[in-house]
Amino acid sequence: MNKNFQSLGGINKKYYVNFYRLDYILKKVSCVDLCKIDAQGEDLNILKGMSLILKKRLIKIIKIELSFINFYEKNDLNYLDIINFLSVYKYKLINISKIKYFKNQIGFCDAYFELSE
């Protein structure tokens, strides 16, 4: 986190965990109605990690948190990258909700993308 946002202060330990790409986890699934992603600035990387699923058009709606302020040191602001990435796979923005403000500007919101036919 950067100096603008310090809600996780006081963390003393780091843990390393195994992870799997969503492409691997969902490889035997035929359809997903809703996929919710809230990954604290790593959302675009997660979307890239599920490119095979997106290409196969297996997810109907993706809910993702779009940030308009860079809260994290190691991540660039990427809401336009997310919108453009999803449009390549024929997802269109259909709704936004839960708009949160930070110092009188939009900080982040939940965005819903629907697979278009």
Protein backbone atom coordinates (compact mmCIF):
# COMPACT_ATOMS: atom_id res chain seq x y z
CA MET A 1 0.00 0.00 0.00
CA ASN A 2 1.11 3.57 -0.51
CA LYS A 3 0.96 6.68 1.71
CA ASN A 4 -2.60 7.50 0.53
CA PHE A 5 -4.13 4.37 1.97
CA GLN A 6 -2.85 2.58 5.07
CA SER A 7 -5.72 0.39 6.29
CA LEU A 8 -3.50 -2.66 6.69
CA GLY A 9 -0.87 -1.08 8.93
CA GLY A 10 0.85 -3.29 11.46
CA ILE A 11 1.27 -6.40 9.35
CA ASN A 12 4.25 -8.26 10.75
CA LYS A 13 4.36 -11.56 8.87
CA LYS A 14 4.25 -12.63 5.26
CA TYR A 15 2.91 -15.98 4.18
CA TYR A 16 3.54 -17.63 0.86
CA VAL A 17 0.71 -19.68 -0.57
CA ASN A 18 0.24 -21.90 -3.59
CA PHE A 19 -2.13 -20.63 -6.22
CA TYR A 20 -3.74 -21.82 -9.43
CA ARG A 21 -4.88 -19.87 -12.44
CA LEU A 22 -8.65 -19.71 -12.84
CA ASP A 23 -8.19 -21.35 -16.24
CA TYR A 24 -6.96 -24.43 -14.38
CA ILE A 25 -9.59 -24.38 -11.63
CA LEU A 26 -12.53 -23.95 -14.02
CA LYS A 27 -11.30 -26.14 -16.87
CA LYS A 28 -14.12 -28.68 -16.40
CA VAL A 29 -16.91 -26.13 -15.89
CA SER A 30 -19.35 -25.51 -18.73
CA CYS A 31 -20.77 -22.17 -17.55
CA VAL A 32 -20.31 -19.60 -14.78
CA ASP A 33 -23.14 -17.13 -14.16
CA LEU A 34 -21.15 -14.62 -12.09
CA CYS A 35 -17.44 -14.27 -11.39
CA LYS A 36 -16.53 -11.72 -8.68
CA ILE A 37 -12.98 -10.40 -8.61
CA ASP A 38 -11.70 -8.10 -5.84
CA ALA A 39 -7.96 -8.53 -5.68
CA GLN A 40 -6.59 -5.23 -4.38
CA GLY A 41 -4.96 -4.01 -7.57
CA GLU A 42 -4.16 -7.41 -9.11
CA ASP A 43 -7.47 -7.60 -10.98
CA LEU A 44 -5.96 -7.25 -14.45
CA ASN A 45 -3.43 -9.99 -13.75
CA ILE A 46 -6.25 -12.28 -12.65
CA LEU A 47 -8.19 -11.52 -15.83
CA LYS A 48 -5.11 -12.32 -17.88
CA GLY A 49 -4.81 -15.59 -15.95
CA MET A 50 -8.29 -16.59 -17.05
CA SER A 51 -7.90 -15.74 -20.72
CA LEU A 52 -8.75 -19.29 -21.85
CA ILE A 53 -12.04 -19.14 -19.95
CA LEU A 54 -12.81 -15.73 -21.43
CA LYS A 55 -11.97 -16.97 -24.91
CA LYS A 56 -14.33 -19.93 -24.47
CA ARG A 57 -17.06 -17.50 -23.32
CA LEU A 58 -17.80 -19.49 -20.16
CA ILE A 59 -18.59 -16.56 -17.84
CA LYS A 60 -21.80 -14.58 -18.27
CA ILE A 61 -21.11 -11.66 -15.90
CA ILE A 62 -17.89 -10.44 -14.31
CA LYS A 63 -18.04 -8.17 -11.27
CA ILE A 64 -14.77 -6.38 -10.64
CA GLU A 65 -13.63 -3.49 -8.50
CA LEU A 66 -12.32 -0.61 -10.59
CA SER A 67 -9.90 1.75 -8.84
CA PHE A 68 -9.56 5.37 -9.90
CA ILE A 69 -6.89 6.20 -7.32
CA ASN A 70 -3.67 4.24 -7.04
CA PHE A 71 -3.76 2.77 -3.53
CA TYR A 72 -0.88 0.35 -3.99
CA GLU A 73 2.81 1.06 -4.57
CA LYS A 74 3.55 -1.80 -6.95
CA ASN A 75 0.49 -1.48 -9.18
CA ASP A 76 -0.23 1.11 -11.80
CA LEU A 77 -3.73 2.48 -12.10
CA ASN A 78 -5.39 0.16 -14.62
CA TYR A 79 -9.14 0.67 -14.84
CA LEU A 80 -8.92 1.54 -18.55
CA ASP A 81 -6.70 -1.49 -19.13
CA ILE A 82 -9.35 -3.67 -17.49
CA ILE A 83 -12.16 -2.19 -19.58
CA ASN A 84 -10.14 -2.55 -22.79
CA PHE A 85 -9.02 -6.08 -21.92
CA LEU A 86 -12.58 -7.24 -21.30
CA SER A 87 -13.83 -5.60 -24.49
CA VAL A 88 -11.43 -7.79 -26.50
CA TYR A 89 -13.36 -10.78 -25.15
CA LYS A 90 -16.71 -9.11 -25.96
CA TYR A 91 -17.61 -7.99 -22.43
CA LYS A 92 -19.40 -4.69 -22.11
CA LEU A 93 -19.82 -2.54 -19.03
CA ILE A 94 -23.46 -2.75 -17.97
CA ASN A 95 -23.54 -1.27 -14.46
CA ILE A 96 -21.54 0.34 -11.69
CA SER A 97 -22.39 0.36 -7.99
CA LYS A 98 -20.94 1.02 -4.57
CA ILE A 99 -19.03 4.12 -5.62
CA LYS A 100 -16.59 5.03 -2.84
CA TYR A 101 -15.00 8.44 -2.54
CA PHE A 102 -11.56 9.32 -1.23
CA LYS A 103 -10.61 12.94 -0.62
CA ASN A 104 -13.54 14.26 -2.71
CA GLN A 105 -12.91 12.10 -5.77
CA ILE A 106 -14.08 8.68 -6.85
CA GLY A 107 -11.75 6.09 -5.34
CA PHE A 108 -13.27 2.88 -6.62
CA CYS A 109 -16.52 1.21 -7.58
CA ASP A 110 -17.91 -2.19 -8.43
CA ALA A 111 -18.30 -2.64 -12.17
CA TYR A 112 -20.37 -5.31 -13.89
CA PHE A 113 -19.41 -6.58 -17.33
CA GLU A 114 -21.72 -8.79 -19.35
CA LEU A 115 -20.75 -11.09 -22.18
CA SER A 116 -22.32 -9.74 -25.33
CA GLU A 117 -23.60 -12.02 -28.06
